[in-house]
Amino acid sequence: EFFTAQEELDMNTFSSIGIVKNKNFFNEDVLEKFESNINKL
């Protein structure tokens, strides 16, 4: 599958191309913690 049920889609701009229109689906603190933990390993 190319997208999830939670993602906003644009299926009209192009004939054969769909677009996921997600904005800022991240948590800065979680990303930094992930990077820190992996670097420690």
All heavy atoms as atom14 arrays in JSON, in Angstrom:
{
  "sequence": "EFFTAQEELDMNTFSSIGIVKNKNFFNEDVLEKFESNINKL",
  "atom14_mask": [
    [1, 1, 1, 1, 1, 1, 1, 1, 1, 0, 0, 0, 0, 0],
    [1, 1, 1, 1, 1, 1, 1, 1, 1, 1, 1, 0, 0, 0],
    [1, 1, 1, 1, 1, 1, 1, 1, 1, 1, 1, 0, 0, 0],
    [1, 1, 1, 1, 1, 1, 1, 0, 0, 0, 0, 0, 0, 0],
    [1, 1, 1, 1, 1, 0, 0, 0, 0, 0, 0, 0, 0, 0],
    [1, 1, 1, 1, 1, 1, 1, 1, 1, 0, 0, 0, 0, 0],
    [1, 1, 1, 1, 1, 1, 1, 1, 1, 0, 0, 0, 0, 0],
    [1, 1, 1, 1, 1, 1, 1, 1, 1, 0, 0, 0, 0, 0],
    [1, 1, 1, 1, 1, 1, 1, 1, 0, 0, 0, 0, 0, 0],
    [1, 1, 1, 1, 1, 1, 1, 1, 0, 0, 0, 0, 0, 0],
    [1, 1, 1, 1, 1, 1, 1, 1, 0, 0, 0, 0, 0, 0],
    [1, 1, 1, 1, 1, 1, 1, 1, 0, 0, 0, 0, 0, 0],
    [1, 1, 1, 1, 1, 1, 1, 0, 0, 0, 0, 0, 0, 0],
    [1, 1, 1, 1, 1, 1, 1, 1, 1, 1, 1, 0, 0, 0],
    [1, 1, 1, 1, 1, 1, 0, 0, 0, 0, 0, 0, 0, 0],
    [1, 1, 1, 1, 1, 1, 0, 0, 0, 0, 0, 0, 0, 0],
    [1, 1, 1, 1, 1, 1, 1, 1, 0, 0, 0, 0, 0, 0],
    [1, 1, 1, 1, 0, 0, 0, 0, 0, 0, 0, 0, 0, 0],
    [1, 1, 1, 1, 1, 1, 1, 1, 0, 0, 0, 0, 0, 0],
    [1, 1, 1, 1, 1, 1, 1, 0, 0, 0, 0, 0, 0, 0],
    [1, 1, 1, 1, 1, 1, 1, 1, 1, 0, 0, 0, 0, 0],
    [1, 1, 1, 1, 1, 1, 1, 1, 0, 0, 0, 0, 0, 0],
    [1, 1, 1, 1, 1, 1, 1, 1, 1, 0, 0, 0, 0, 0],
    [1, 1, 1, 1, 1, 1, 1, 1, 0, 0, 0, 0, 0, 0],
    [1, 1, 1, 1, 1, 1, 1, 1, 1, 1, 1, 0, 0, 0],
    [1, 1, 1, 1, 1, 1, 1, 1, 1, 1, 1, 0, 0, 0],
    [1, 1, 1, 1, 1, 1, 1, 1, 0, 0, 0, 0, 0, 0],
    [1, 1, 1, 1, 1, 1, 1, 1, 1, 0, 0, 0, 0, 0],
    [1, 1, 1, 1, 1, 1, 1, 1, 0, 0, 0, 0, 0, 0],
    [1, 1, 1, 1, 1, 1, 1, 0, 0, 0, 0, 0, 0, 0],
    [1, 1, 1, 1, 1, 1, 1, 1, 0, 0, 0, 0, 0, 0],
    [1, 1, 1, 1, 1, 1, 1, 1, 1, 0, 0, 0, 0, 0],
    [1, 1, 1, 1, 1, 1, 1, 1, 1, 0, 0, 0, 0, 0],
    [1, 1, 1, 1, 1, 1, 1, 1, 1, 1, 1, 0, 0, 0],
    [1, 1, 1, 1, 1, 1, 1, 1, 1, 0, 0, 0, 0, 0],
    [1, 1, 1, 1, 1, 1, 0, 0, 0, 0, 0, 0, 0, 0],
    [1, 1, 1, 1, 1, 1, 1, 1, 0, 0, 0, 0, 0, 0],
    [1, 1, 1, 1, 1, 1, 1, 1, 0, 0, 0, 0, 0, 0],
    [1, 1, 1, 1, 1, 1, 1, 1, 0, 0, 0, 0, 0, 0],
    [1, 1, 1, 1, 1, 1, 1, 1, 1, 0, 0, 0, 0, 0],
    [1, 1, 1, 1, 1, 1, 1, 1, 0, 0, 0, 0, 0, 0]
  ],
  "atom14_positions": [
    [[0.85, -1.19, 0.0], [0.0, 0.0, 0.0], [0.89, 1.24, 0.0], [2.02, 1.19, 0.48], [-0.93, -0.02, 1.21], [-0.21, -0.24, 2.53], [-1.12, -0.67, 3.66], [-2.33, -0.33, 3.61], [-0.65, -1.33, 4.59], [0.0, 0.0, 0.0], [0.0, 0.0, 0.0], [0.0, 0.0, 0.0], [0.0, 0.0, 0.0], [0.0, 0.0, 0.0]],
    [[0.38, 2.33, -0.55], [1.17, 3.55, -0.69], [0.87, 4.59, 0.39], [1.61, 5.56, 0.53], [0.93, 4.18, -2.06], [1.39, 3.33, -3.21], [0.49, 2.84, -4.13], [2.74, 3.02, -3.37], [0.91, 2.05, -5.2], [3.16, 2.25, -4.42], [2.25, 1.76, -5.34], [0.0, 0.0, 0.0], [0.0, 0.0, 0.0], [0.0, 0.0, 0.0]],
    [[-0.21, 4.42, 1.13], [-0.6, 5.41, 2.12], [-1.41, 4.72, 3.21], [-1.87, 3.58, 3.05], [-1.42, 6.54, 1.48], [-2.56, 6.05, 0.63], [-3.79, 5.74, 1.2], [-2.4, 5.89, -0.74], [-4.83, 5.27, 0.41], [-3.45, 5.42, -1.53], [-4.67, 5.12, -0.95], [0.0, 0.0, 0.0], [0.0, 0.0, 0.0], [0.0, 0.0, 0.0]],
    [[-1.56, 5.42, 4.33], [-2.33, 4.89, 5.45], [-3.69, 5.58, 5.52], [-3.91, 6.61, 4.89], [-1.59, 5.1, 6.78], [-1.57, 6.5, 7.09], [-0.15, 4.59, 6.69], [0.0, 0.0, 0.0], [0.0, 0.0, 0.0], [0.0, 0.0, 0.0], [0.0, 0.0, 0.0], [0.0, 0.0, 0.0], [0.0, 0.0, 0.0], [0.0, 0.0, 0.0]],
    [[-4.57, 5.02, 6.33], [-5.92, 5.58, 6.47], [-5.89, 6.95, 7.13], [-6.82, 7.75, 6.97], [-6.8, 4.63, 7.28], [0.0, 0.0, 0.0], [0.0, 0.0, 0.0], [0.0, 0.0, 0.0], [0.0, 0.0, 0.0], [0.0, 0.0, 0.0], [0.0, 0.0, 0.0], [0.0, 0.0, 0.0], [0.0, 0.0, 0.0], [0.0, 0.0, 0.0]],
    [[-4.83, 7.25, 7.87], [-4.74, 8.52, 8.59], [-4.16, 9.65, 7.76], [-4.19, 10.81, 8.17], [-3.88, 8.35, 9.85], [-4.47, 7.42, 10.92], [-4.38, 5.95, 10.54], [-3.39, 5.51, 9.97], [-5.43, 5.2, 10.84], [0.0, 0.0, 0.0], [0.0, 0.0, 0.0], [0.0, 0.0, 0.0], [0.0, 0.0, 0.0], [0.0, 0.0, 0.0]],
    [[-3.63, 9.34, 6.59], [-2.94, 10.35, 5.79], [-3.89, 11.09, 4.85], [-4.78, 10.49, 4.24], [-1.79, 9.71, 5.0], [-0.67, 9.22, 5.9], [0.44, 8.5, 5.16], [0.15, 7.76, 4.21], [1.6, 8.68, 5.54], [0.0, 0.0, 0.0], [0.0, 0.0, 0.0], [0.0, 0.0, 0.0], [0.0, 0.0, 0.0], [0.0, 0.0, 0.0]],
    [[-3.68, 12.4, 4.75], [-4.48, 13.23, 3.85], [-3.95, 13.07, 2.42], [-2.74, 13.13, 2.19], [-4.38, 14.7, 4.27], [-5.13, 15.66, 3.36], [-4.89, 17.11, 3.72], [-4.37, 17.37, 4.82], [-5.2, 17.99, 2.88], [0.0, 0.0, 0.0], [0.0, 0.0, 0.0], [0.0, 0.0, 0.0], [0.0, 0.0, 0.0], [0.0, 0.0, 0.0]],
    [[-4.86, 12.9, 1.47], [-4.46, 12.62, 0.1], [-4.98, 13.68, -0.87], [-6.05, 14.26, -0.67], [-4.99, 11.25, -0.36], [-4.6, 10.03, 0.47], [-5.24, 8.77, -0.13], [-3.09, 9.88, 0.54], [0.0, 0.0, 0.0], [0.0, 0.0, 0.0], [0.0, 0.0, 0.0], [0.0, 0.0, 0.0], [0.0, 0.0, 0.0], [0.0, 0.0, 0.0]],
    [[-4.19, 13.91, -1.92], [-4.61, 14.71, -3.08], [-4.58, 13.77, -4.27], [-3.51, 13.38, -4.74], [-3.66, 15.89, -3.29], [-3.91, 16.63, -4.6], [-4.88, 16.28, -5.32], [-3.13, 17.54, -4.92], [0.0, 0.0, 0.0], [0.0, 0.0, 0.0], [0.0, 0.0, 0.0], [0.0, 0.0, 0.0], [0.0, 0.0, 0.0], [0.0, 0.0, 0.0]],
    [[-5.75, 13.39, -4.76], [-5.84, 12.46, -5.89], [-6.3, 13.17, -7.16], [-6.65, 12.5, -8.14], [-6.8, 11.32, -5.54], [-6.44, 10.53, -4.29], [-4.89, 9.59, -4.47], [-5.49, 8.12, -5.28], [0.0, 0.0, 0.0], [0.0, 0.0, 0.0], [0.0, 0.0, 0.0], [0.0, 0.0, 0.0], [0.0, 0.0, 0.0], [0.0, 0.0, 0.0]],
    [[-6.28, 14.5, -7.17], [-6.85, 15.26, -8.28], [-5.84, 16.05, -9.09], [-6.1, 16.35, -10.26], [-7.93, 16.22, -7.75], [-9.07, 15.48, -7.07], [-9.56, 14.48, -7.58], [-9.5, 15.97, -5.91], [0.0, 0.0, 0.0], [0.0, 0.0, 0.0], [0.0, 0.0, 0.0], [0.0, 0.0, 0.0], [0.0, 0.0, 0.0], [0.0, 0.0, 0.0]],
    [[-4.71, 16.43, -8.5], [-3.77, 17.32, -9.2], [-3.21, 16.66, -10.45], [-3.1, 17.3, -11.5], [-2.63, 17.73, -8.26], [-3.18, 18.47, -7.17], [-1.61, 18.59, -9.0], [0.0, 0.0, 0.0], [0.0, 0.0, 0.0], [0.0, 0.0, 0.0], [0.0, 0.0, 0.0], [0.0, 0.0, 0.0], [0.0, 0.0, 0.0], [0.0, 0.0, 0.0]],
    [[-2.86, 15.39, -10.35], [-2.27, 14.68, -11.49], [-3.16, 13.51, -11.91], [-3.97, 13.0, -11.13], [-0.88, 14.15, -11.13], [0.11, 15.23, -10.8], [0.43, 15.52, -9.47], [0.73, 15.96, -11.8], [1.34, 16.51, -9.16], [1.63, 16.97, -11.5], [1.94, 17.24, -10.18], [0.0, 0.0, 0.0], [0.0, 0.0, 0.0], [0.0, 0.0, 0.0]],
    [[-2.97, 13.09, -13.14], [-3.77, 12.0, -13.69], [-3.41, 10.65, -13.09], [-4.28, 9.87, -12.72], [-3.61, 11.96, -15.22], [-4.26, 10.83, -15.77], [0.0, 0.0, 0.0], [0.0, 0.0, 0.0], [0.0, 0.0, 0.0], [0.0, 0.0, 0.0], [0.0, 0.0, 0.0], [0.0, 0.0, 0.0], [0.0, 0.0, 0.0], [0.0, 0.0, 0.0]],
    [[-2.11, 10.38, -12.97], [-1.65, 9.05, -12.55], [-0.8, 9.08, -11.29], [-0.2, 8.08, -10.93], [-0.87, 8.38, -13.68], [-1.66, 8.23, -14.83], [0.0, 0.0, 0.0], [0.0, 0.0, 0.0], [0.0, 0.0, 0.0], [0.0, 0.0, 0.0], [0.0, 0.0, 0.0], [0.0, 0.0, 0.0], [0.0, 0.0, 0.0], [0.0, 0.0, 0.0]],
    [[-0.72, 10.25, -10.66], [0.1, 10.41, -9.45], [-0.77, 10.9, -8.31], [-1.49, 11.89, -8.44], [1.25, 11.41, -9.69], [2.17, 10.92, -10.81], [2.04, 11.64, -8.4], [3.19, 11.96, -11.25], [0.0, 0.0, 0.0], [0.0, 0.0, 0.0], [0.0, 0.0, 0.0], [0.0, 0.0, 0.0], [0.0, 0.0, 0.0], [0.0, 0.0, 0.0]],
    [[-0.71, 10.2, -7.19], [-1.36, 10.66, -5.98], [-0.35, 11.35, -5.08], [0.86, 11.18, -5.24], [0.0, 0.0, 0.0], [0.0, 0.0, 0.0], [0.0, 0.0, 0.0], [0.0, 0.0, 0.0], [0.0, 0.0, 0.0], [0.0, 0.0, 0.0], [0.0, 0.0, 0.0], [0.0, 0.0, 0.0], [0.0, 0.0, 0.0], [0.0, 0.0, 0.0]],
    [[-0.83, 12.13, -4.12], [0.06, 12.87, -3.23], [-0.41, 12.72, -1.79], [-1.58, 12.96, -1.49], [0.09, 14.37, -3.59], [0.42, 14.59, -5.07], [1.11, 15.1, -2.71], [0.28, 16.04, -5.51], [0.0, 0.0, 0.0], [0.0, 0.0, 0.0], [0.0, 0.0, 0.0], [0.0, 0.0, 0.0], [0.0, 0.0, 0.0], [0.0, 0.0, 0.0]],
    [[0.5, 12.31, -0.91], [0.25, 12.36, 0.53], [0.6, 13.77, 0.99], [1.7, 14.26, 0.74], [1.1, 11.32, 1.28], [0.91, 11.45, 2.78], [0.74, 9.9, 0.82], [0.0, 0.0, 0.0], [0.0, 0.0, 0.0], [0.0, 0.0, 0.0], [0.0, 0.0, 0.0], [0.0, 0.0, 0.0], [0.0, 0.0, 0.0], [0.0, 0.0, 0.0]],
    [[-0.34, 14.43, 1.67], [-0.18, 15.85, 2.04], [0.12, 16.02, 3.53], [-0.34, 16.97, 4.16], [-1.46, 16.61, 1.69], [-1.85, 16.57, 0.22], [-0.85, 17.28, -0.66], [-0.82, 18.76, -0.46], [0.06, 19.45, -1.44], [0.0, 0.0, 0.0], [0.0, 0.0, 0.0], [0.0, 0.0, 0.0], [0.0, 0.0, 0.0], [0.0, 0.0, 0.0]],
    [[0.9, 15.11, 4.1], [1.21, 15.21, 5.53], [2.0, 16.47, 5.86], [2.86, 16.9, 5.1], [2.02, 13.99, 5.97], [1.14, 12.77, 6.11], [-0.07, 12.88, 6.16], [1.74, 11.6, 6.16], [0.0, 0.0, 0.0], [0.0, 0.0, 0.0], [0.0, 0.0, 0.0], [0.0, 0.0, 0.0], [0.0, 0.0, 0.0], [0.0, 0.0, 0.0]],
    [[1.73, 17.01, 7.01], [2.47, 18.17, 7.5], [2.94, 17.91, 8.92], [2.14, 17.66, 9.82], [1.59, 19.43, 7.48], [1.05, 19.81, 6.1], [2.15, 20.29, 5.16], [1.56, 20.74, 3.83], [2.61, 21.12, 2.87], [0.0, 0.0, 0.0], [0.0, 0.0, 0.0], [0.0, 0.0, 0.0], [0.0, 0.0, 0.0], [0.0, 0.0, 0.0]],
    [[4.25, 17.96, 9.1], [4.85, 17.96, 10.44], [4.41, 16.8, 11.34], [4.07, 16.98, 12.5], [4.54, 19.29, 11.14], [5.07, 20.47, 10.36], [6.14, 20.42, 9.78], [4.31, 21.56, 10.36], [0.0, 0.0, 0.0], [0.0, 0.0, 0.0], [0.0, 0.0, 0.0], [0.0, 0.0, 0.0], [0.0, 0.0, 0.0], [0.0, 0.0, 0.0]],
    [[4.38, 15.59, 10.77], [4.01, 14.44, 11.61], [5.27, 13.88, 12.28], [5.77, 12.82, 12.0], [3.28, 13.37, 10.79], [4.13, 12.66, 9.77], [4.57, 11.36, 9.99], [4.48, 13.28, 8.58], [5.35, 10.7, 9.05], [5.26, 12.62, 7.64], [5.7, 11.33, 7.88], [0.0, 0.0, 0.0], [0.0, 0.0, 0.0], [0.0, 0.0, 0.0]],
    [[5.79, 14.65, 13.22], [6.96, 14.22, 13.96], [6.97, 14.9, 15.32], [6.3, 15.91, 15.53], [8.26, 14.55, 13.21], [8.52, 16.02, 13.07], [9.2, 16.72, 14.05], [8.08, 16.73, 11.95], [9.44, 18.09, 13.94], [8.3, 18.09, 11.82], [8.99, 18.77, 12.82], [0.0, 0.0, 0.0], [0.0, 0.0, 0.0], [0.0, 0.0, 0.0]],
    [[7.7, 14.31, 16.24], [7.89, 14.88, 17.56], [9.38, 15.14, 17.74], [10.18, 14.2, 17.74], [7.37, 13.9, 18.63], [7.48, 14.45, 20.04], [8.57, 14.82, 20.49], [6.36, 14.47, 20.75], [0.0, 0.0, 0.0], [0.0, 0.0, 0.0], [0.0, 0.0, 0.0], [0.0, 0.0, 0.0], [0.0, 0.0, 0.0], [0.0, 0.0, 0.0]],
    [[9.76, 16.39, 17.87], [11.17, 16.77, 17.92], [11.92, 16.03, 19.03], [13.01, 15.51, 18.83], [11.28, 18.28, 18.13], [12.71, 18.8, 18.17], [13.36, 18.85, 16.81], [12.68, 19.18, 15.83], [14.56, 18.53, 16.73], [0.0, 0.0, 0.0], [0.0, 0.0, 0.0], [0.0, 0.0, 0.0], [0.0, 0.0, 0.0], [0.0, 0.0, 0.0]],
    [[11.33, 15.97, 20.2], [11.99, 15.32, 21.34], [12.19, 13.83, 21.08], [13.24, 13.27, 21.42], [11.16, 15.52, 22.62], [11.12, 16.97, 23.07], [12.05, 17.73, 22.7], [10.17, 17.34, 23.78], [0.0, 0.0, 0.0], [0.0, 0.0, 0.0], [0.0, 0.0, 0.0], [0.0, 0.0, 0.0], [0.0, 0.0, 0.0], [0.0, 0.0, 0.0]],
    [[11.21, 13.19, 20.48], [11.3, 11.76, 20.19], [12.4, 11.49, 19.16], [13.17, 10.53, 19.29], [9.94, 11.22, 19.71], [10.08, 9.78, 19.22], [8.92, 11.29, 20.83], [0.0, 0.0, 0.0], [0.0, 0.0, 0.0], [0.0, 0.0, 0.0], [0.0, 0.0, 0.0], [0.0, 0.0, 0.0], [0.0, 0.0, 0.0], [0.0, 0.0, 0.0]],
    [[12.5, 12.35, 18.14], [13.53, 12.18, 17.13], [14.92, 12.35, 17.73], [15.85, 11.58, 17.43], [13.33, 13.18, 15.99], [12.07, 13.03, 15.13], [12.08, 14.04, 13.99], [11.95, 11.62, 14.56], [0.0, 0.0, 0.0], [0.0, 0.0, 0.0], [0.0, 0.0, 0.0], [0.0, 0.0, 0.0], [0.0, 0.0, 0.0], [0.0, 0.0, 0.0]],
    [[15.09, 13.35, 18.57], [16.38, 13.58, 19.2], [16.76, 12.43, 20.13], [17.93, 12.02, 20.17], [16.36, 14.9, 19.99], [16.32, 16.14, 19.09], [16.34, 17.43, 19.89], [16.32, 17.35, 21.15], [16.37, 18.51, 19.26], [0.0, 0.0, 0.0], [0.0, 0.0, 0.0], [0.0, 0.0, 0.0], [0.0, 0.0, 0.0], [0.0, 0.0, 0.0]],
    [[15.79, 11.9, 20.85], [16.04, 10.77, 21.75], [16.44, 9.53, 20.95], [17.35, 8.79, 21.33], [14.8, 10.49, 22.58], [14.99, 9.42, 23.65], [15.98, 9.86, 24.72], [16.05, 8.86, 25.87], [17.05, 9.24, 26.88], [0.0, 0.0, 0.0], [0.0, 0.0, 0.0], [0.0, 0.0, 0.0], [0.0, 0.0, 0.0], [0.0, 0.0, 0.0]],
    [[15.76, 9.31, 19.83], [16.09, 8.17, 18.95], [17.53, 8.27, 18.47], [18.3, 7.3, 18.55], [15.13, 8.15, 17.76], [15.47, 7.12, 16.71], [15.07, 5.8, 16.86], [16.19, 7.47, 15.57], [15.38, 4.85, 15.89], [16.51, 6.53, 14.61], [16.1, 5.22, 14.77], [0.0, 0.0, 0.0], [0.0, 0.0, 0.0], [0.0, 0.0, 0.0]],
    [[17.89, 9.43, 17.96], [19.25, 9.63, 17.46], [20.28, 9.43, 18.57], [21.32, 8.79, 18.37], [19.39, 11.02, 16.85], [20.7, 11.28, 16.15], [20.69, 12.56, 15.36], [19.75, 13.38, 15.52], [21.64, 12.77, 14.57], [0.0, 0.0, 0.0], [0.0, 0.0, 0.0], [0.0, 0.0, 0.0], [0.0, 0.0, 0.0], [0.0, 0.0, 0.0]],
    [[20.0, 9.95, 19.75], [20.91, 9.82, 20.88], [21.07, 8.35, 21.29], [22.2, 7.87, 21.53], [20.39, 10.63, 22.06], [21.17, 10.42, 23.22], [0.0, 0.0, 0.0], [0.0, 0.0, 0.0], [0.0, 0.0, 0.0], [0.0, 0.0, 0.0], [0.0, 0.0, 0.0], [0.0, 0.0, 0.0], [0.0, 0.0, 0.0], [0.0, 0.0, 0.0]],
    [[19.97, 7.62, 21.36], [20.03, 6.22, 21.76], [20.8, 5.36, 20.77], [21.58, 4.49, 21.16], [18.61, 5.66, 21.93], [17.9, 6.21, 23.15], [18.54, 6.78, 24.05], [16.59, 6.07, 23.2], [0.0, 0.0, 0.0], [0.0, 0.0, 0.0], [0.0, 0.0, 0.0], [0.0, 0.0, 0.0], [0.0, 0.0, 0.0], [0.0, 0.0, 0.0]],
    [[20.57, 5.6, 19.47], [21.28, 4.84, 18.44], [22.78, 5.14, 18.49], [23.62, 4.23, 18.38], [20.71, 5.14, 17.04], [19.26, 4.64, 16.93], [21.57, 4.49, 15.95], [19.07, 3.15, 17.09], [0.0, 0.0, 0.0], [0.0, 0.0, 0.0], [0.0, 0.0, 0.0], [0.0, 0.0, 0.0], [0.0, 0.0, 0.0], [0.0, 0.0, 0.0]],
    [[23.13, 6.4, 18.67], [24.55, 6.77, 18.75], [25.22, 6.15, 19.97], [26.4, 5.77, 19.92], [24.7, 8.29, 18.77], [24.48, 8.91, 17.4], [24.72, 8.27, 16.37], [24.01, 10.14, 17.36], [0.0, 0.0, 0.0], [0.0, 0.0, 0.0], [0.0, 0.0, 0.0], [0.0, 0.0, 0.0], [0.0, 0.0, 0.0], [0.0, 0.0, 0.0]],
    [[24.5, 6.02, 21.07], [25.06, 5.38, 22.26], [25.36, 3.91, 21.98], [26.4, 3.38, 22.4], [24.09, 5.5, 23.44], [24.04, 6.89, 24.07], [23.02, 6.94, 25.2], [22.93, 8.35, 25.79], [21.88, 8.43, 26.85], [0.0, 0.0, 0.0], [0.0, 0.0, 0.0], [0.0, 0.0, 0.0], [0.0, 0.0, 0.0], [0.0, 0.0, 0.0]],
    [[24.46, 3.24, 21.3], [24.68, 1.84, 20.94], [25.93, 1.7, 20.06], [26.75, 0.79, 20.26], [23.47, 1.28, 20.2], [22.18, 1.09, 21.0], [21.04, 0.64, 20.08], [22.37, 0.07, 22.12], [0.0, 0.0, 0.0], [0.0, 0.0, 0.0], [0.0, 0.0, 0.0], [0.0, 0.0, 0.0], [0.0, 0.0, 0.0], [0.0, 0.0, 0.0]]
  ]
}
